[in-house]
Amino acid sequence: MSATIAPANPLAAAEAAAAAKAAAPLTNLQKADKLTHDHILWATGFGLIPMPLVDIAAITGAQIHLVAKLSEVYKIPFSDHRAKNLIYPLVSSVGLVPAGAAFVSSLVKGIPVFGTIVGVASMPAVAGATTYAIGKVFTSHFEAGGTLLDFNPAATKEHFAKLFSDGKQVVDEIKEAAKTDDAAKVAAKDKK
């Protein structure tokens, strides 16, 4: 019969368990989720670029970089050319309205004042939602053992569209979290 000895300080034991968990290496899925989240932030930020088409180039670059980093996590050979040829059909698969909205949002930024306001208001959400969907689709494919060579954009069209819709909600949640964080920082600063 073995005796179980209760820790002298339960709080210390809980802290030690939390520290051990934090020190544990991340799984590929956890790494992929973090990369996707980080690239959503990049893409939404790039959506704020006030110059027409420069924003689209920066957003596309962030999305290609995301696929490159996911490929690295899953130890899959990466090809910049192949990634571009997979991303473009995915983005266009959500339909003309979102893809067109991104393009129009970018072009309208060329109209002084009004165009910039309209473009900057709409482009970040589309950029973030698209980046979310790209990250999730490739993560799912890589988790299933797929590679860039056997990825079929046409086969994931419906799933991508659903993820794009989910991505809009994720972007809204990120915005709300940022507002809450900003409010907390202001409150903390006011206490000083």
C-alpha atoms as a PDB file:
ATOM      1  CA  MET A   1       0.000   0.000   0.000  1.00  0.00           C
ATOM      2  CA  SER A   2       1.435   3.364  -1.002  1.00  0.00           C
ATOM      3  CA  ALA A   3       0.735   6.475   0.902  1.00  0.00           C
ATOM      4  CA  THR A   4      -0.064   9.679  -0.907  1.00  0.00           C
ATOM      5  CA  ILE A   5       1.541  12.671   0.642  1.00  0.00           C
ATOM      6  CA  ALA A   6      -0.333  15.935   0.230  1.00  0.00           C
ATOM      7  CA  PRO A   7       1.840  18.869  -0.742  1.00  0.00           C
ATOM      8  CA  ALA A   8       2.635  21.194   2.122  1.00  0.00           C
ATOM      9  CA  ASN A   9       1.505  24.185   0.056  1.00  0.00           C
ATOM     10  CA  PRO A  10      -1.288  23.444  -2.467  1.00  0.00           C
ATOM     11  CA  LEU A  11      -0.790  26.831  -4.143  1.00  0.00           C
ATOM     12  CA  ALA A  12       2.885  26.089  -4.721  1.00  0.00           C
ATOM     13  CA  ALA A  13       1.972  22.691  -6.156  1.00  0.00           C
ATOM     14  CA  ALA A  14      -0.525  24.303  -8.554  1.00  0.00           C
ATOM     15  CA  GLU A  15       2.054  26.885  -9.615  1.00  0.00           C
ATOM     16  CA  ALA A  16       4.639  24.146 -10.171  1.00  0.00           C
ATOM     17  CA  ALA A  17       2.164  22.182 -12.305  1.00  0.00           C
ATOM     18  CA  ALA A  18       1.349  25.298 -14.355  1.00  0.00           C
ATOM     19  CA  ALA A  19       5.058  26.003 -14.831  1.00  0.00           C
ATOM     20  CA  ALA A  20       5.684  22.428 -15.960  1.00  0.00           C
ATOM     21  CA  LYS A  21       2.806  22.687 -18.425  1.00  0.00           C
ATOM     22  CA  ALA A  22       4.120  26.010 -19.753  1.00  0.00           C
ATOM     23  CA  ALA A  23       7.568  24.481 -20.209  1.00  0.00           C
ATOM     24  CA  ALA A  24       6.175  21.550 -22.206  1.00  0.00           C
ATOM     25  CA  PRO A  25       6.922  21.805 -25.914  1.00  0.00           C
ATOM     26  CA  LEU A  26       4.079  22.967 -28.122  1.00  0.00           C
ATOM     27  CA  THR A  27       2.433  20.516 -30.491  1.00  0.00           C
ATOM     28  CA  ASN A  28       2.464  21.215 -34.221  1.00  0.00           C
ATOM     29  CA  LEU A  29      -1.199  22.176 -34.020  1.00  0.00           C
ATOM     30  CA  GLN A  30      -0.521  24.678 -31.221  1.00  0.00           C
ATOM     31  CA  LYS A  31       2.372  26.143 -33.214  1.00  0.00           C
ATOM     32  CA  ALA A  32       0.167  26.366 -36.308  1.00  0.00           C
ATOM     33  CA  ASP A  33      -2.616  28.094 -34.379  1.00  0.00           C
ATOM     34  CA  LYS A  34      -0.158  30.649 -32.982  1.00  0.00           C
ATOM     35  CA  LEU A  35       1.317  31.276 -36.429  1.00  0.00           C
ATOM     36  CA  THR A  36      -2.166  31.740 -37.883  1.00  0.00           C
ATOM     37  CA  HIS A  37      -3.120  34.172 -35.121  1.00  0.00           C
ATOM     38  CA  ASP A  38       0.090  36.183 -35.576  1.00  0.00           C
ATOM     39  CA  HIS A  39      -0.398  36.366 -39.344  1.00  0.00           C
ATOM     40  CA  ILE A  40      -4.019  37.477 -38.914  1.00  0.00           C
ATOM     41  CA  LEU A  41      -2.639  40.425 -36.951  1.00  0.00           C
ATOM     42  CA  TRP A  42      -0.102  41.152 -39.682  1.00  0.00           C
ATOM     43  CA  ALA A  43      -2.691  40.932 -42.456  1.00  0.00           C
ATOM     44  CA  THR A  44      -5.204  43.160 -40.677  1.00  0.00           C
ATOM     45  CA  GLY A  45      -2.425  45.664 -40.037  1.00  0.00           C
ATOM     46  CA  PHE A  46      -1.385  45.562 -43.688  1.00  0.00           C
ATOM     47  CA  GLY A  47      -5.021  46.221 -44.589  1.00  0.00           C
ATOM     48  CA  LEU A  48      -4.547  49.659 -43.042  1.00  0.00           C
ATOM     49  CA  ILE A  49      -1.901  50.633 -45.603  1.00  0.00           C
ATOM     50  CA  PRO A  50      -3.461  53.647 -47.351  1.00  0.00           C
ATOM     51  CA  MET A  51      -1.919  53.035 -50.780  1.00  0.00           C
ATOM     52  CA  PRO A  52      -3.999  51.148 -53.364  1.00  0.00           C
ATOM     53  CA  LEU A  53      -2.697  47.673 -54.302  1.00  0.00           C
ATOM     54  CA  VAL A  54       0.301  48.013 -51.969  1.00  0.00           C
ATOM     55  CA  ASP A  55      -1.975  46.719 -49.220  1.00  0.00           C
ATOM     56  CA  ILE A  56      -2.962  43.684 -51.291  1.00  0.00           C
ATOM     57  CA  ALA A  57       0.687  42.921 -52.043  1.00  0.00           C
ATOM     58  CA  ALA A  58       1.572  43.116 -48.338  1.00  0.00           C
ATOM     59  CA  ILE A  59      -1.405  40.981 -47.291  1.00  0.00           C
ATOM     60  CA  THR A  60      -0.613  38.366 -49.928  1.00  0.00           C
ATOM     61  CA  GLY A  61       2.999  38.359 -48.748  1.00  0.00           C
ATOM     62  CA  ALA A  62       1.844  37.708 -45.169  1.00  0.00           C
ATOM     63  CA  GLN A  63      -0.361  34.843 -46.345  1.00  0.00           C
ATOM     64  CA  ILE A  64       2.449  33.251 -48.360  1.00  0.00           C
ATOM     65  CA  HIS A  65       4.742  33.677 -45.355  1.00  0.00           C
ATOM     66  CA  LEU A  66       2.127  31.923 -43.195  1.00  0.00           C
ATOM     67  CA  VAL A  67       2.060  28.919 -45.534  1.00  0.00           C
ATOM     68  CA  ALA A  68       5.884  28.891 -45.541  1.00  0.00           C
ATOM     69  CA  LYS A  69       6.008  28.870 -41.731  1.00  0.00           C
ATOM     70  CA  LEU A  70       3.310  26.179 -41.514  1.00  0.00           C
ATOM     71  CA  SER A  71       5.309  24.098 -43.992  1.00  0.00           C
ATOM     72  CA  GLU A  72       8.325  24.534 -41.732  1.00  0.00           C
ATOM     73  CA  VAL A  73       6.370  23.384 -38.655  1.00  0.00           C
ATOM     74  CA  TYR A  74       5.146  20.263 -40.449  1.00  0.00           C
ATOM     75  CA  LYS A  75       8.526  19.697 -42.174  1.00  0.00           C
ATOM     76  CA  ILE A  76       6.997  19.948 -45.644  1.00  0.00           C
ATOM     77  CA  PRO A  77       9.025  21.240 -48.587  1.00  0.00           C
ATOM     78  CA  PHE A  78       7.907  24.771 -49.445  1.00  0.00           C
ATOM     79  CA  SER A  79       7.730  26.431 -52.822  1.00  0.00           C
ATOM     80  CA  ASP A  80       6.833  30.116 -53.047  1.00  0.00           C
ATOM     81  CA  HIS A  81       5.492  29.616 -56.553  1.00  0.00           C
ATOM     82  CA  ARG A  82       3.375  26.615 -55.535  1.00  0.00           C
ATOM     83  CA  ALA A  83       1.987  28.447 -52.496  1.00  0.00           C
ATOM     84  CA  LYS A  84       0.892  31.412 -54.649  1.00  0.00           C
ATOM     85  CA  ASN A  85      -0.770  29.038 -57.095  1.00  0.00           C
ATOM     86  CA  LEU A  86      -2.711  27.446 -54.222  1.00  0.00           C
ATOM     87  CA  ILE A  87      -3.645  30.630 -52.357  1.00  0.00           C
ATOM     88  CA  TYR A  88      -5.093  32.549 -55.314  1.00  0.00           C
ATOM     89  CA  PRO A  89      -7.750  29.923 -56.153  1.00  0.00           C
ATOM     90  CA  LEU A  90      -8.629  29.605 -52.465  1.00  0.00           C
ATOM     91  CA  VAL A  91      -9.186  33.329 -52.062  1.00  0.00           C
ATOM     92  CA  SER A  92     -11.226  33.535 -55.242  1.00  0.00           C
ATOM     93  CA  SER A  93     -13.304  30.534 -54.113  1.00  0.00           C
ATOM     94  CA  VAL A  94     -15.106  32.654 -51.506  1.00  0.00           C
ATOM     95  CA  GLY A  95     -16.855  34.357 -54.412  1.00  0.00           C
ATOM     96  CA  LEU A  96     -16.665  37.601 -56.232  1.00  0.00           C
ATOM     97  CA  VAL A  97     -18.165  39.655 -53.438  1.00  0.00           C
ATOM     98  CA  PRO A  98     -15.419  39.185 -50.782  1.00  0.00           C
ATOM     99  CA  ALA A  99     -12.591  38.979 -53.336  1.00  0.00           C
ATOM    100  CA  GLY A 100     -13.990  41.946 -55.217  1.00  0.00           C
ATOM    101  CA  ALA A 101     -14.564  43.834 -51.977  1.00  0.00           C
ATOM    102  CA  ALA A 102     -10.895  43.482 -51.109  1.00  0.00           C
ATOM    103  CA  PHE A 103      -9.858  44.732 -54.535  1.00  0.00           C
ATOM    104  CA  VAL A 104     -12.355  47.619 -54.478  1.00  0.00           C
ATOM    105  CA  SER A 105     -11.383  48.457 -50.876  1.00  0.00           C
ATOM    106  CA  SER A 106      -7.826  48.722 -52.033  1.00  0.00           C
ATOM    107  CA  LEU A 107      -8.556  50.781 -55.145  1.00  0.00           C
ATOM    108  CA  VAL A 108     -10.943  53.152 -53.387  1.00  0.00           C
ATOM    109  CA  LYS A 109      -8.045  54.182 -51.139  1.00  0.00           C
ATOM    110  CA  GLY A 110      -6.826  56.199 -54.146  1.00  0.00           C
ATOM    111  CA  ILE A 111      -9.727  58.637 -53.682  1.00  0.00           C
ATOM    112  CA  PRO A 112      -8.503  61.371 -51.342  1.00  0.00           C
ATOM    113  CA  VAL A 113      -9.938  61.370 -47.814  1.00  0.00           C
ATOM    114  CA  PHE A 114     -13.258  59.538 -48.387  1.00  0.00           C
ATOM    115  CA  GLY A 115     -11.676  56.636 -50.273  1.00  0.00           C
ATOM    116  CA  THR A 116      -8.962  56.204 -47.695  1.00  0.00           C
ATOM    117  CA  ILE A 117     -11.504  56.140 -44.866  1.00  0.00           C
ATOM    118  CA  VAL A 118     -13.731  53.584 -46.634  1.00  0.00           C
ATOM    119  CA  GLY A 119     -10.798  51.414 -47.723  1.00  0.00           C
ATOM    120  CA  VAL A 120      -9.120  51.421 -44.336  1.00  0.00           C
ATOM    121  CA  ALA A 121     -12.439  50.593 -42.656  1.00  0.00           C
ATOM    122  CA  SER A 122     -13.159  47.497 -44.749  1.00  0.00           C
ATOM    123  CA  MET A 123      -9.852  46.010 -45.895  1.00  0.00           C
ATOM    124  CA  PRO A 124      -8.476  44.792 -42.526  1.00  0.00           C
ATOM    125  CA  ALA A 125     -11.507  42.576 -41.813  1.00  0.00           C
ATOM    126  CA  VAL A 126     -11.362  40.912 -45.241  1.00  0.00           C
ATOM    127  CA  ALA A 127      -7.576  40.477 -44.929  1.00  0.00           C
ATOM    128  CA  GLY A 128      -7.832  38.935 -41.463  1.00  0.00           C
ATOM    129  CA  ALA A 129     -10.694  36.584 -42.361  1.00  0.00           C
ATOM    130  CA  THR A 130      -8.910  35.394 -45.488  1.00  0.00           C
ATOM    131  CA  THR A 131      -5.669  34.825 -43.590  1.00  0.00           C
ATOM    132  CA  TYR A 132      -7.534  32.889 -40.892  1.00  0.00           C
ATOM    133  CA  ALA A 133      -9.110  30.627 -43.521  1.00  0.00           C
ATOM    134  CA  ILE A 134      -5.779  30.064 -45.286  1.00  0.00           C
ATOM    135  CA  GLY A 135      -4.078  29.161 -42.007  1.00  0.00           C
ATOM    136  CA  LYS A 136      -6.813  26.758 -40.953  1.00  0.00           C
ATOM    137  CA  VAL A 137      -7.127  25.044 -44.345  1.00  0.00           C
ATOM    138  CA  PHE A 138      -3.395  24.426 -44.654  1.00  0.00           C
ATOM    139  CA  THR A 139      -3.067  23.380 -41.006  1.00  0.00           C
ATOM    140  CA  SER A 140      -5.853  20.837 -41.458  1.00  0.00           C
ATOM    141  CA  HIS A 141      -4.276  19.547 -44.677  1.00  0.00           C
ATOM    142  CA  PHE A 142      -0.812  19.248 -43.115  1.00  0.00           C
ATOM    143  CA  GLU A 143      -2.216  17.637 -39.953  1.00  0.00           C
ATOM    144  CA  ALA A 144      -3.772  14.958 -42.200  1.00  0.00           C
ATOM    145  CA  GLY A 145      -0.350  14.244 -43.724  1.00  0.00           C
ATOM    146  CA  GLY A 146      -0.841  16.292 -46.883  1.00  0.00           C
ATOM    147  CA  THR A 147       1.770  18.383 -48.685  1.00  0.00           C
ATOM    148  CA  LEU A 148       1.730  21.377 -50.989  1.00  0.00           C
ATOM    149  CA  LEU A 149       1.974  18.972 -53.919  1.00  0.00           C
ATOM    150  CA  ASP A 150      -1.273  17.134 -53.148  1.00  0.00           C
ATOM    151  CA  PHE A 151      -3.299  20.133 -51.931  1.00  0.00           C
ATOM    152  CA  ASN A 152      -6.408  20.612 -54.075  1.00  0.00           C
ATOM    153  CA  PRO A 153      -7.965  24.096 -53.728  1.00  0.00           C
ATOM    154  CA  ALA A 154     -11.124  23.062 -55.588  1.00  0.00           C
ATOM    155  CA  ALA A 155     -11.749  20.248 -53.092  1.00  0.00           C
ATOM    156  CA  THR A 156     -11.545  22.646 -50.133  1.00  0.00           C
ATOM    157  CA  LYS A 157     -13.667  25.419 -51.682  1.00  0.00           C
ATOM    158  CA  GLU A 158     -16.718  24.972 -49.423  1.00  0.00           C
ATOM    159  CA  HIS A 159     -14.627  24.411 -46.304  1.00  0.00           C
ATOM    160  CA  PHE A 160     -12.571  27.515 -47.107  1.00  0.00           C
ATOM    161  CA  ALA A 161     -15.738  29.597 -47.537  1.00  0.00           C
ATOM    162  CA  LYS A 162     -16.985  28.467 -44.105  1.00  0.00           C
ATOM    163  CA  LEU A 163     -13.599  29.222 -42.545  1.00  0.00           C
ATOM    164  CA  PHE A 164     -13.629  32.659 -44.209  1.00  0.00           C
ATOM    165  CA  SER A 165     -16.990  33.318 -42.551  1.00  0.00           C
ATOM    166  CA  ASP A 166     -15.607  32.046 -39.212  1.00  0.00           C
ATOM    167  CA  GLY A 167     -12.575  34.256 -39.766  1.00  0.00           C
ATOM    168  CA  LYS A 168     -14.735  37.377 -39.807  1.00  0.00           C
ATOM    169  CA  GLN A 169     -15.918  36.446 -36.313  1.00  0.00           C
ATOM    170  CA  VAL A 170     -12.339  35.769 -35.188  1.00  0.00           C
ATOM    171  CA  VAL A 171     -11.243  39.194 -36.454  1.00  0.00           C
ATOM    172  CA  ASP A 172     -14.138  40.802 -34.541  1.00  0.00           C
ATOM    173  CA  GLU A 173     -13.070  38.921 -31.391  1.00  0.00           C
ATOM    174  CA  ILE A 174      -9.467  40.078 -31.841  1.00  0.00           C
ATOM    175  CA  LYS A 175     -10.680  43.678 -32.203  1.00  0.00           C
ATOM    176  CA  GLU A 176     -12.786  43.371 -29.040  1.00  0.00           C
ATOM    177  CA  ALA A 177      -9.876  41.827 -27.137  1.00  0.00           C
ATOM    178  CA  ALA A 178      -7.653  44.688 -28.266  1.00  0.00           C
ATOM    179  CA  LYS A 179     -10.225  47.212 -27.047  1.00  0.00           C
ATOM    180  CA  THR A 180     -10.452  45.400 -23.698  1.00  0.00           C
ATOM    181  CA  ASP A 181      -6.646  45.272 -23.429  1.00  0.00           C
ATOM    182  CA  ASP A 182      -6.429  48.980 -24.270  1.00  0.00           C
ATOM    183  CA  ALA A 183      -9.088  49.796 -21.680  1.00  0.00           C
ATOM    184  CA  ALA A 184      -7.262  47.707 -19.065  1.00  0.00           C
ATOM    185  CA  LYS A 185      -3.974  49.457 -19.872  1.00  0.00           C
ATOM    186  CA  VAL A 186      -5.620  52.870 -19.558  1.00  0.00           C
ATOM    187  CA  ALA A 187      -7.224  51.847 -16.260  1.00  0.00           C
ATOM    188  CA  ALA A 188      -3.908  50.547 -14.947  1.00  0.00           C
ATOM    189  CA  LYS A 189      -2.181  53.747 -16.040  1.00  0.00           C
ATOM    190  CA  ASP A 190      -4.862  55.858 -14.343  1.00  0.00           C
ATOM    191  CA  LYS A 191      -4.268  53.999 -11.050  1.00  0.00           C
ATOM    192  CA  LYS A 192      -0.608  55.051 -11.016  1.00  0.00           C
END
